[in-house]
Amino acid sequence: MLMATAAHAEARQAARLLDLWSRLSSRHIALGSSCACGAGGVTLVLDDFELDIYGYLQDSAERCDVEEARAFFAASTATEADARPLLRLLETAAAGHLPPGVGAWALPKLERTLSSFAELHGTESGGM
């Protein structure tokens, strides 16, 4: 029963993070300001950071003590061809289909990362 409760809590956390990422990933951020000549700054969509966030998880997994996480991320490759690995990871976790140990290791890291993005850049609903 305890394992089922933990799995449900993990799936709920993943669903919440999936919702947060879905809202955040479409947000635009400015990386500079306009100058007097009228040239605007660079604008990115937070979605542009998806591969970086997933790469952070892969790099962290290489050095972690959780064998399941190391194996999962070693077998997973985030490339331009798979431009939505973070979305795929969160969808898999929300459906309860991540291998045991992977969600418990990865979701807290994503919670901190996405909460930081939300704090810095907000969401359409005004927060988490």
Protein backbone atom coordinates (compact mmCIF):
# COMPACT_ATOMS: atom_id res chain seq x y z
CA MET A 1 0.00 0.00 0.00
CA LEU A 2 2.84 2.38 0.86
CA MET A 3 4.47 1.78 -2.55
CA ALA A 4 1.18 2.50 -4.33
CA THR A 5 0.72 5.70 -2.33
CA ALA A 6 4.27 6.81 -3.17
CA ALA A 7 3.70 6.02 -6.85
CA HIS A 8 0.47 8.06 -6.85
CA ALA A 9 2.21 10.97 -5.11
CA GLU A 10 5.00 10.82 -7.68
CA ALA A 11 2.48 10.78 -10.56
CA ARG A 12 0.64 13.77 -9.03
CA GLN A 13 3.92 15.68 -8.64
CA ALA A 14 4.82 14.87 -12.24
CA ALA A 15 1.39 16.00 -13.47
CA ARG A 16 1.77 19.28 -11.59
CA LEU A 17 5.26 19.79 -13.05
CA LEU A 18 3.97 18.89 -16.51
CA ASP A 19 1.29 21.56 -16.17
CA LEU A 20 3.86 24.08 -14.93
CA TRP A 21 6.29 23.27 -17.76
CA SER A 22 3.47 23.49 -20.32
CA ARG A 23 2.66 27.00 -19.10
CA LEU A 24 6.28 28.09 -18.75
CA SER A 25 7.59 26.66 -22.00
CA SER A 26 5.48 29.01 -24.09
CA ARG A 27 6.62 32.14 -22.20
CA HIS A 28 8.92 34.61 -23.93
CA ILE A 29 11.86 36.18 -22.13
CA ALA A 30 14.00 39.08 -23.26
CA LEU A 31 17.77 38.74 -23.17
CA GLY A 32 18.61 42.35 -23.59
CA SER A 33 16.88 45.61 -24.07
CA SER A 34 16.24 47.86 -26.97
CA CYS A 35 18.74 50.59 -27.64
CA ALA A 36 18.17 54.13 -28.88
CA CYS A 37 18.72 53.03 -32.47
CA GLY A 38 15.55 50.99 -32.29
CA ALA A 39 17.17 47.55 -32.47
CA GLY A 40 15.43 45.21 -30.08
CA GLY A 41 16.98 42.70 -27.77
CA VAL A 42 16.94 38.95 -28.26
CA THR A 43 13.79 37.14 -27.19
CA LEU A 44 13.69 33.44 -26.40
CA VAL A 45 10.92 31.07 -25.51
CA LEU A 46 11.57 29.13 -22.29
CA ASP A 47 10.95 26.03 -24.37
CA ASP A 48 14.36 26.78 -25.92
CA PHE A 49 15.91 25.59 -22.63
CA GLU A 50 14.28 22.14 -22.70
CA LEU A 51 17.36 20.33 -24.03
CA ASP A 52 19.54 22.18 -21.50
CA ILE A 53 17.34 21.12 -18.58
CA TYR A 54 17.26 17.54 -19.80
CA GLY A 55 21.03 17.62 -20.32
CA TYR A 56 21.41 18.80 -16.72
CA LEU A 57 19.44 15.75 -15.60
CA GLN A 58 21.55 13.44 -17.75
CA ASP A 59 24.81 14.93 -16.43
CA SER A 60 23.60 14.76 -12.82
CA ALA A 61 22.47 11.16 -13.29
CA GLU A 62 25.97 10.14 -14.40
CA ARG A 63 27.27 11.17 -10.97
CA CYS A 64 24.36 10.05 -8.78
CA ASP A 65 24.10 7.08 -6.42
CA VAL A 66 20.74 5.91 -7.82
CA GLU A 67 21.53 3.10 -10.26
CA GLU A 68 18.07 3.25 -11.85
CA ALA A 69 18.50 6.96 -12.65
CA ARG A 70 22.01 6.40 -14.06
CA ALA A 71 20.77 3.58 -16.29
CA PHE A 72 17.63 5.43 -17.41
CA PHE A 73 19.42 8.61 -18.42
CA ALA A 74 22.38 6.75 -19.94
CA ALA A 75 19.93 4.93 -22.21
CA SER A 76 18.12 8.14 -23.07
CA THR A 77 19.56 10.61 -25.52
CA ALA A 78 18.18 14.10 -25.92
CA THR A 79 18.91 15.36 -29.39
CA GLU A 80 17.52 17.92 -31.76
CA ALA A 81 15.56 15.07 -33.38
CA ASP A 82 13.86 14.49 -30.03
CA ALA A 83 13.24 18.14 -29.25
CA ARG A 84 10.82 17.47 -26.37
CA PRO A 85 12.62 15.08 -23.98
CA LEU A 86 11.56 16.96 -20.84
CA LEU A 87 7.93 16.95 -21.91
CA ARG A 88 8.18 13.23 -22.70
CA LEU A 89 9.80 12.52 -19.31
CA LEU A 90 7.08 14.42 -17.43
CA GLU A 91 4.29 12.75 -19.43
CA THR A 92 5.79 9.33 -18.72
CA ALA A 93 6.12 10.14 -15.01
CA ALA A 94 2.58 11.55 -14.81
CA ALA A 95 1.29 8.31 -16.33
CA GLY A 96 3.21 6.35 -13.69
CA HIS A 97 5.46 4.62 -16.21
CA LEU A 98 8.94 5.65 -15.08
CA PRO A 99 11.15 2.89 -13.72
CA PRO A 100 11.22 2.73 -9.90
CA GLY A 101 13.67 5.19 -8.42
CA VAL A 102 13.90 7.44 -11.48
CA GLY A 103 10.99 9.70 -10.61
CA ALA A 104 11.99 9.93 -6.96
CA TRP A 105 15.43 11.07 -8.08
CA ALA A 106 14.51 13.33 -11.04
CA LEU A 107 11.27 15.04 -9.97
CA PRO A 108 12.72 16.96 -7.00
CA LYS A 109 15.45 18.32 -9.28
CA LEU A 110 12.87 19.36 -11.84
CA GLU A 111 10.73 20.87 -9.07
CA ARG A 112 13.60 23.17 -8.09
CA THR A 113 14.50 24.04 -11.67
CA LEU A 114 10.97 24.73 -12.89
CA SER A 115 10.05 26.59 -9.69
CA SER A 116 13.06 28.82 -10.27
CA PHE A 117 11.94 29.51 -13.85
CA ALA A 118 8.41 30.25 -12.59
CA GLU A 119 9.72 32.60 -9.93
CA LEU A 120 11.91 34.48 -12.40
CA HIS A 121 9.60 34.51 -15.38
CA GLY A 122 6.12 33.93 -13.95
CA THR A 123 3.32 31.91 -15.46
CA GLU A 124 0.07 32.93 -17.05
CA SER A 125 -1.72 32.13 -13.80
CA GLY A 126 0.63 34.36 -11.84
CA GLY A 127 2.69 31.69 -10.11
CA MET A 128 2.79 28.04 -9.28
